[in-house]
Amino acid sequence: MSSPSLPIRIAVAGAGLIGQAHLGAIAASPCCALSAIVDPAPAAEALAARLGVPLHRTLETLLARDRPDGIVLATPNALHVPQALACIEAGVPVLLEKPLATTVQEAEALVAEVERRGARLLVGHHRAHSPIMAKARQVVDSGQLGRLVAVMGSATFMKPDRYFAEGPWRREPGGGPILLNMIHEVHNLRMLCGEIVAVQAFASSAARGFAVEDTVAINLRFASGALGSFMLSDTAACGRSWEQTSRENPAYPTCEDEDCYVLAGTLGSLSVPTMRLRTYPGAEAASWWKPFEAGVVGLVRDDPLARQMAHFADVVAGTAAPLVTARDGLANLRVTEAIAAAARQGSLVELCS
């Protein structure tokens, strides 16, 4: 298949909040153009008219009548696997929003098909395109921290009552922060610290009393031997979350003095995303009785959704392999399911590779 010429025609299936974020990224892209919207909801008609593109009620209609160069699937989670398979069958590259699937079993079937066909599928873990994450990973890989031994993380924020009133399904199992929010954190932690091989967790629903958790304490063991602790809560009036510290999404106010990750090694530590770095000049100086050399790692901030769309254009053109593969999406889902199981069972859950 020859590479598409510019502009690359991208269709978006699903015109909800995340779908509209992708529409904005396409509009701002110098190399992409929106070709169509796919959504059966009545509101999508007005949106397509405003943007001057065709509206298709079904993905099948789009693929049959107006096949794009690439497609963004920002549809409900239960549709991810069947719709991705339909796009693969049609030979259309896909940017598939996370999670890859609703279950590990479904995800495994999709990964097998992607790899069997050599399909171009990018999973929408957009933080993987964050320059903050890239710089933090560079610091870890450089050896400035020594051997990584511990990570402390948090995603603590307050979801208002209307969030649950507008989506009553969020009060039920599967609608809590483990499966909705933690999957983002899992990918970040895997990028920074390597593969997660075992988890423990305690979950509580004491604050809201819903059938689903609102607060979770998580322990993590990485393949390297490093250990991690993570606090997750969507009912905590606290600013230690990626959204409230990274300054990457203007929809959220910023707590500039807070961090959501602290990475600690034998020679130093890095706080993310303030990028405060504290290190000893060498192993002989590594002692709690000795002062740190302190500084801030410089970086350039940029919109990860825009960077993700630019990368997807390269994937569509065949000039780049997906940064976040289907197998990455499967690994993230496995860890998230393991955390939910550990919280439910009150036991250690080890992950198979």
Protein backbone atom coordinates (compact mmCIF):
# COMPACT_ATOMS: atom_id res chain seq x y z
CA MET A 1 0.00 0.00 0.00
CA SER A 2 1.44 3.38 -1.00
CA SER A 3 1.79 6.14 1.56
CA PRO A 4 -1.04 8.69 1.51
CA SER A 5 -0.23 12.17 0.25
CA LEU A 6 -0.76 15.28 2.36
CA PRO A 7 -3.07 16.17 3.84
CA ILE A 8 -3.73 12.81 5.43
CA ARG A 9 -7.48 12.24 5.65
CA ILE A 10 -8.49 11.21 9.17
CA ALA A 11 -12.00 10.20 10.25
CA VAL A 12 -13.11 10.27 13.88
CA ALA A 13 -15.58 7.71 15.23
CA GLY A 14 -17.14 8.89 18.47
CA ALA A 15 -17.92 12.57 18.98
CA GLY A 16 -17.89 12.63 22.78
CA LEU A 17 -15.39 14.48 24.95
CA ILE A 18 -12.27 12.57 23.88
CA GLY A 19 -13.46 12.42 20.27
CA GLN A 20 -13.80 16.20 20.25
CA ALA A 21 -10.29 16.50 21.68
CA HIS A 22 -9.04 14.48 18.69
CA LEU A 23 -11.06 16.72 16.36
CA GLY A 24 -9.22 19.70 17.82
CA ALA A 25 -5.86 17.98 17.32
CA ILE A 26 -6.70 17.26 13.67
CA ALA A 27 -7.82 20.87 13.11
CA ALA A 28 -4.50 22.14 14.50
CA SER A 29 -2.40 19.68 12.52
CA PRO A 30 -0.48 20.93 9.47
CA CYS A 31 -0.50 17.47 7.88
CA CYS A 32 -3.97 16.08 8.69
CA ALA A 33 -7.47 16.94 7.55
CA LEU A 34 -10.76 15.73 9.00
CA SER A 35 -12.57 13.61 6.42
CA ALA A 36 -15.69 12.49 8.31
CA ILE A 37 -17.34 11.91 11.68
CA VAL A 38 -18.97 8.62 12.69
CA ASP A 39 -21.57 8.84 15.44
CA PRO A 40 -25.27 7.89 15.67
CA ALA A 41 -26.05 10.54 18.32
CA PRO A 42 -28.28 13.45 17.22
CA ALA A 43 -25.74 16.04 18.42
CA ALA A 44 -23.14 14.69 15.99
CA GLU A 45 -25.12 15.98 13.00
CA ALA A 46 -24.74 19.59 14.06
CA LEU A 47 -21.06 19.06 14.85
CA ALA A 48 -20.35 17.55 11.42
CA ALA A 49 -22.25 20.39 9.73
CA ARG A 50 -20.27 22.99 11.67
CA LEU A 51 -17.00 21.34 10.69
CA GLY A 52 -18.11 20.88 7.08
CA VAL A 53 -17.58 17.11 6.86
CA PRO A 54 -19.88 14.15 6.16
CA LEU A 55 -21.55 12.33 9.04
CA HIS A 56 -21.87 8.55 8.99
CA ARG A 57 -24.12 6.76 11.46
CA THR A 58 -22.05 3.57 11.39
CA LEU A 59 -18.43 2.62 10.87
CA GLU A 60 -19.48 0.13 8.21
CA THR A 61 -20.98 2.95 6.12
CA LEU A 62 -17.81 5.00 6.40
CA LEU A 63 -15.56 2.13 5.34
CA ALA A 64 -17.83 1.23 2.42
CA ARG A 65 -18.47 4.73 1.06
CA ASP A 66 -15.77 7.13 2.22
CA ARG A 67 -12.70 5.19 3.30
CA PRO A 68 -10.19 7.51 5.01
CA ASP A 69 -6.41 7.21 5.19
CA GLY A 70 -6.70 6.63 8.95
CA ILE A 71 -9.35 6.54 11.63
CA VAL A 72 -9.54 7.51 15.30
CA LEU A 73 -11.76 5.19 17.34
CA ALA A 74 -12.99 7.19 20.35
CA THR A 75 -16.11 5.10 20.82
CA PRO A 76 -17.44 3.31 23.95
CA ASN A 77 -15.04 0.69 25.31
CA ALA A 78 -17.23 -2.27 24.34
CA LEU A 79 -16.92 -1.28 20.67
CA HIS A 80 -13.13 -1.01 20.61
CA VAL A 81 -12.31 -4.57 19.58
CA PRO A 82 -15.01 -5.16 16.93
CA GLN A 83 -14.46 -1.74 15.37
CA ALA A 84 -10.69 -2.09 15.37
CA LEU A 85 -11.03 -5.49 13.71
CA ALA A 86 -13.30 -3.98 11.04
CA CYS A 87 -10.72 -1.28 10.30
CA ILE A 88 -7.92 -3.86 10.15
CA GLU A 89 -9.98 -5.95 7.72
CA ALA A 90 -10.44 -2.83 5.55
CA GLY A 91 -6.71 -2.04 5.71
CA VAL A 92 -7.20 1.31 7.46
CA PRO A 93 -4.64 2.35 10.13
CA VAL A 94 -6.21 2.98 13.55
CA LEU A 95 -5.65 5.23 16.54
CA LEU A 96 -7.59 3.26 19.15
CA GLU A 97 -8.44 5.03 22.39
CA LYS A 98 -7.57 3.28 25.64
CA PRO A 99 -8.41 0.83 27.02
CA LEU A 100 -7.55 -1.55 24.22
CA ALA A 101 -10.51 -3.74 25.22
CA THR A 102 -12.90 -4.37 28.10
CA THR A 103 -11.16 -7.62 29.11
CA VAL A 104 -7.70 -9.12 28.78
CA GLN A 105 -9.14 -12.03 26.80
CA GLU A 106 -10.61 -9.66 24.19
CA ALA A 107 -7.37 -7.68 24.09
CA GLU A 108 -5.32 -10.82 23.48
CA ALA A 109 -7.48 -11.70 20.47
CA LEU A 110 -7.03 -8.20 19.04
CA VAL A 111 -3.27 -8.23 19.59
CA ALA A 112 -3.02 -11.59 17.83
CA GLU A 113 -4.88 -10.22 14.80
CA VAL A 114 -2.82 -7.00 14.71
CA GLU A 115 0.43 -8.97 14.79
CA ARG A 116 -0.77 -11.63 12.33
CA ARG A 117 -1.69 -9.02 9.74
CA GLY A 118 1.04 -6.50 10.52
CA ALA A 119 -1.70 -3.91 11.01
CA ARG A 120 -0.89 -0.30 11.89
CA LEU A 121 -2.63 0.28 15.22
CA LEU A 122 -1.63 3.00 17.69
CA VAL A 123 -3.18 2.85 21.18
CA GLY A 124 -4.29 6.23 22.53
CA HIS A 125 -2.19 6.44 25.69
CA HIS A 126 -1.47 10.08 24.88
CA ARG A 127 0.82 10.68 27.88
CA ALA A 128 3.38 8.52 26.09
CA HIS A 129 3.81 11.52 23.77
CA SER A 130 4.35 13.98 26.62
CA PRO A 131 7.71 15.77 26.58
CA ILE A 132 7.62 15.65 30.39
CA MET A 133 7.52 11.87 30.33
CA ALA A 134 10.21 11.73 27.66
CA LYS A 135 12.53 13.90 29.75
CA ALA A 136 11.84 11.93 32.95
CA ARG A 137 12.61 8.69 31.17
CA GLN A 138 15.82 10.22 29.80
CA VAL A 139 16.93 11.12 33.34
CA VAL A 140 16.24 7.59 34.60
CA ASP A 141 18.01 6.00 31.62
CA SER A 142 21.03 8.32 32.01
CA GLY A 143 21.94 6.76 35.35
CA GLN A 144 21.82 10.08 37.24
CA LEU A 145 19.55 8.45 39.84
CA GLY A 146 21.72 5.36 40.13
CA ARG A 147 19.82 2.11 40.34
CA LEU A 148 16.09 2.78 40.58
CA VAL A 149 14.77 1.33 43.84
CA ALA A 150 11.43 3.02 44.54
CA VAL A 151 8.61 5.04 43.03
CA MET A 152 5.89 6.88 44.95
CA GLY A 153 2.89 7.95 42.92
CA SER A 154 -0.56 9.43 43.27
CA ALA A 155 -3.66 10.25 41.29
CA THR A 156 -5.77 12.01 43.89
CA PHE A 157 -8.55 14.33 42.73
CA MET A 158 -12.19 15.16 43.37
CA LYS A 159 -14.84 14.18 40.85
CA PRO A 160 -18.00 16.26 41.49
CA ASP A 161 -21.42 14.76 42.14
CA ARG A 162 -22.64 15.71 38.67
CA TYR A 163 -20.02 13.38 37.15
CA PHE A 164 -21.94 10.46 38.63
CA ALA A 165 -25.38 11.95 38.03
CA GLU A 166 -24.61 12.34 34.31
CA GLY A 167 -23.27 8.78 34.09
CA PRO A 168 -24.94 6.52 36.67
CA TRP A 169 -22.91 3.55 35.34
CA ARG A 170 -19.89 5.18 37.03
CA ARG A 171 -21.36 4.17 40.40
CA GLU A 172 -21.14 0.48 39.49
CA PRO A 173 -18.20 -1.96 39.25
CA GLY A 174 -16.05 -1.08 36.25
CA GLY A 175 -16.88 2.61 36.58
CA GLY A 176 -14.41 3.44 39.33
CA PRO A 177 -10.94 4.96 39.19
CA ILE A 178 -9.11 1.61 38.94
CA LEU A 179 -10.41 0.88 35.46
CA LEU A 180 -11.10 4.46 34.31
CA ASN A 181 -8.05 6.35 35.57
CA MET A 182 -5.36 3.96 36.75
CA ILE A 183 -4.66 2.63 33.26
CA HIS A 184 -3.04 6.01 32.41
CA GLU A 185 -0.82 5.74 35.47
CA VAL A 186 0.13 2.16 34.66
CA HIS A 187 1.47 3.16 31.27
CA ASN A 188 3.46 6.03 32.78
CA LEU A 189 4.91 3.76 35.46
CA ARG A 190 5.86 1.12 32.89
CA MET A 191 7.58 3.79 30.78
CA LEU A 192 9.60 5.07 33.75
CA CYS A 193 10.24 1.95 35.82
CA GLY A 194 9.83 -1.06 33.55
CA GLU A 195 7.43 -3.97 33.65
CA ILE A 196 5.15 -4.52 36.65
CA VAL A 197 5.23 -8.15 37.82
CA ALA A 198 3.10 -8.17 40.98
CA VAL A 199 0.51 -5.99 42.74
CA GLN A 200 -1.32 -5.70 46.04
CA ALA A 201 -4.23 -3.36 46.77
CA PHE A 202 -6.77 -2.19 49.32
CA ALA A 203 -9.94 -0.50 48.04
CA SER A 204 -12.57 1.51 49.88
CA SER A 205 -15.98 2.92 48.96
CA ALA A 206 -16.51 4.53 52.37
CA ALA A 207 -16.64 8.13 51.13
CA ARG A 208 -19.48 7.78 48.63
CA GLY A 209 -20.93 4.41 49.50
CA PHE A 210 -21.24 3.36 45.86
CA ALA A 211 -20.89 -0.22 44.67
CA VAL A 212 -17.57 0.79 43.11
CA GLU A 213 -14.35 1.91 44.82
CA ASP A 214 -13.50 5.56 45.35
CA THR A 215 -10.08 5.17 47.00
CA VAL A 216 -7.35 2.59 46.47
CA ALA A 217 -3.91 2.01 48.02
CA ILE A 218 -1.65 0.01 45.69
CA ASN A 219 1.72 -1.71 46.05
CA LEU A 220 3.75 -2.58 42.95
CA ARG A 221 6.76 -4.79 42.25
CA PHE A 222 8.75 -4.20 39.06
CA ALA A 223 10.81 -6.72 37.13
CA SER A 224 13.98 -4.80 38.04
CA GLY A 225 13.33 -5.37 41.74
CA ALA A 226 12.19 -1.78 42.32
CA LEU A 227 9.08 -1.33 44.46
CA GLY A 228 6.29 1.22 44.23
CA SER A 229 3.40 2.61 46.21
CA PHE A 230 0.48 4.42 44.62
CA MET A 231 -2.51 6.27 46.09
CA LEU A 232 -5.56 6.54 43.84
CA SER A 233 -8.74 8.40 44.76
CA ASP A 234 -11.46 10.26 42.89
CA THR A 235 -12.94 11.65 46.10
CA ALA A 236 -9.79 13.29 47.52
CA ALA A 237 -9.64 17.09 47.54
CA CYS A 238 -5.98 17.03 46.54
CA GLY A 239 -3.98 18.30 43.59
CA ARG A 240 -1.53 15.42 43.23
CA SER A 241 -2.69 14.14 39.88
CA TRP A 242 -1.21 14.31 36.41
CA GLU A 243 -4.03 16.53 35.16
CA GLN A 244 -3.54 19.04 37.98
CA THR A 245 0.27 19.14 37.89
CA SER A 246 1.43 18.64 34.29
CA ARG A 247 -0.16 21.79 32.78
CA GLU A 248 -0.92 19.76 29.65
CA ASN A 249 -4.71 20.08 29.73
CA PRO A 250 -6.04 23.63 30.18
CA ALA A 251 -9.39 22.25 31.36
CA TYR A 252 -7.79 21.62 34.78
CA PRO A 253 -6.37 24.19 37.19
CA THR A 254 -2.69 23.76 37.95
CA CYS A 255 -1.02 23.05 41.28
CA GLU A 256 2.48 24.05 40.19
CA ASP A 257 4.16 23.10 43.47
CA GLU A 258 2.82 19.53 43.52
CA ASP A 259 4.15 16.33 42.01
CA CYS A 260 2.42 13.07 41.21
CA TYR A 261 5.53 10.85 40.94
CA VAL A 262 8.79 10.66 42.89
CA LEU A 263 11.41 8.33 41.43
CA ALA A 264 14.18 7.34 43.84
CA GLY A 265 17.43 5.61 43.06
CA THR A 266 20.68 4.88 44.87
CA LEU A 267 22.22 8.22 43.79
CA GLY A 268 19.27 10.58 43.66
CA SER A 269 15.60 11.31 43.10
CA LEU A 270 13.45 13.00 40.48
CA SER A 271 10.04 14.55 41.21
CA VAL A 272 7.64 14.63 38.25
CA PRO A 273 6.35 16.88 36.76
CA THR A 274 8.11 19.73 38.59
CA MET A 275 11.32 17.95 37.49
CA ARG A 276 13.11 18.74 40.75
CA LEU A 277 16.30 16.71 40.80
CA ARG A 278 18.33 15.86 43.90
CA THR A 279 21.49 13.82 43.43
CA TYR A 280 24.74 12.82 45.11
CA PRO A 281 27.88 13.35 43.00
CA GLY A 282 28.86 9.69 43.37
CA ALA A 283 28.45 6.52 45.39
CA GLU A 284 31.06 7.63 47.93
CA ALA A 285 28.99 10.74 48.72
CA ALA A 286 25.65 8.92 48.97
CA SER A 287 24.64 9.36 52.60
CA TRP A 288 21.75 10.98 54.42
CA TRP A 289 24.38 12.97 56.32
CA LYS A 290 25.60 14.56 53.06
CA PRO A 291 23.88 17.38 51.14
CA PHE A 292 22.26 16.80 47.77
CA GLU A 293 23.13 18.65 44.62
CA ALA A 294 19.74 20.16 43.80
CA GLY A 295 18.36 21.53 40.56
CA VAL A 296 15.50 21.44 38.08
CA VAL A 297 15.66 19.50 34.82
CA GLY A 298 14.83 21.74 31.88
CA LEU A 299 12.17 20.76 29.38
CA VAL A 300 9.93 22.14 26.67
CA ARG A 301 6.19 21.66 27.25
CA ASP A 302 3.90 20.69 24.41
CA ASP A 303 0.40 19.26 23.92
CA PRO A 304 0.68 15.45 23.94
CA LEU A 305 -2.58 15.07 21.99
CA ALA A 306 -1.15 17.21 19.19
CA ARG A 307 2.09 15.23 19.26
CA GLN A 308 0.11 11.98 19.23
CA MET A 309 -1.81 13.10 16.12
CA ALA A 310 1.43 14.04 14.37
CA HIS A 311 2.82 10.62 15.23
CA PHE A 312 -0.35 8.92 14.00
CA ALA A 313 0.06 10.74 10.68
CA ASP A 314 3.52 9.17 10.41
CA VAL A 315 2.06 5.76 11.29
CA VAL A 316 -0.59 6.18 8.58
CA ALA A 317 2.08 7.24 6.08
CA GLY A 318 4.15 4.18 6.98
CA THR A 319 7.17 6.22 8.09
CA ALA A 320 6.94 5.31 11.80
CA ALA A 321 5.98 2.31 13.89
CA PRO A 322 3.37 2.91 16.64
CA LEU A 323 4.96 4.30 19.80
CA VAL A 324 2.26 2.60 21.88
CA THR A 325 1.54 -0.80 20.38
CA ALA A 326 -1.40 -3.11 20.83
CA ARG A 327 0.85 -5.26 23.03
CA ASP A 328 1.52 -2.21 25.22
CA GLY A 329 -2.22 -1.68 25.55
CA LEU A 330 -2.61 -5.33 26.55
CA ALA A 331 0.12 -5.03 29.19
CA ASN A 332 -1.55 -1.95 30.68
CA LEU A 333 -4.91 -3.70 30.81
CA ARG A 334 -3.37 -6.77 32.47
CA VAL A 335 -1.92 -4.65 35.28
CA THR A 336 -5.16 -2.74 35.76
CA GLU A 337 -7.18 -5.96 35.95
CA ALA A 338 -4.63 -7.37 38.41
CA ILE A 339 -5.05 -4.32 40.68
CA ALA A 340 -8.83 -4.75 40.63
CA ALA A 341 -8.44 -8.45 41.42
CA ALA A 342 -5.96 -7.78 44.24
CA ALA A 343 -8.33 -5.27 45.82
CA ARG A 344 -11.25 -7.66 45.49
CA GLN A 345 -9.41 -10.73 46.81
CA GLY A 346 -7.20 -9.06 49.38
CA SER A 347 -4.18 -10.97 48.08
CA LEU A 348 -0.98 -10.59 46.07
CA VAL A 349 -1.55 -10.97 42.33
CA GLU A 350 1.41 -11.91 40.16
CA LEU A 351 1.36 -11.12 36.47
CA CYS A 352 2.37 -13.48 33.72
CA SER A 353 4.47 -12.09 30.91
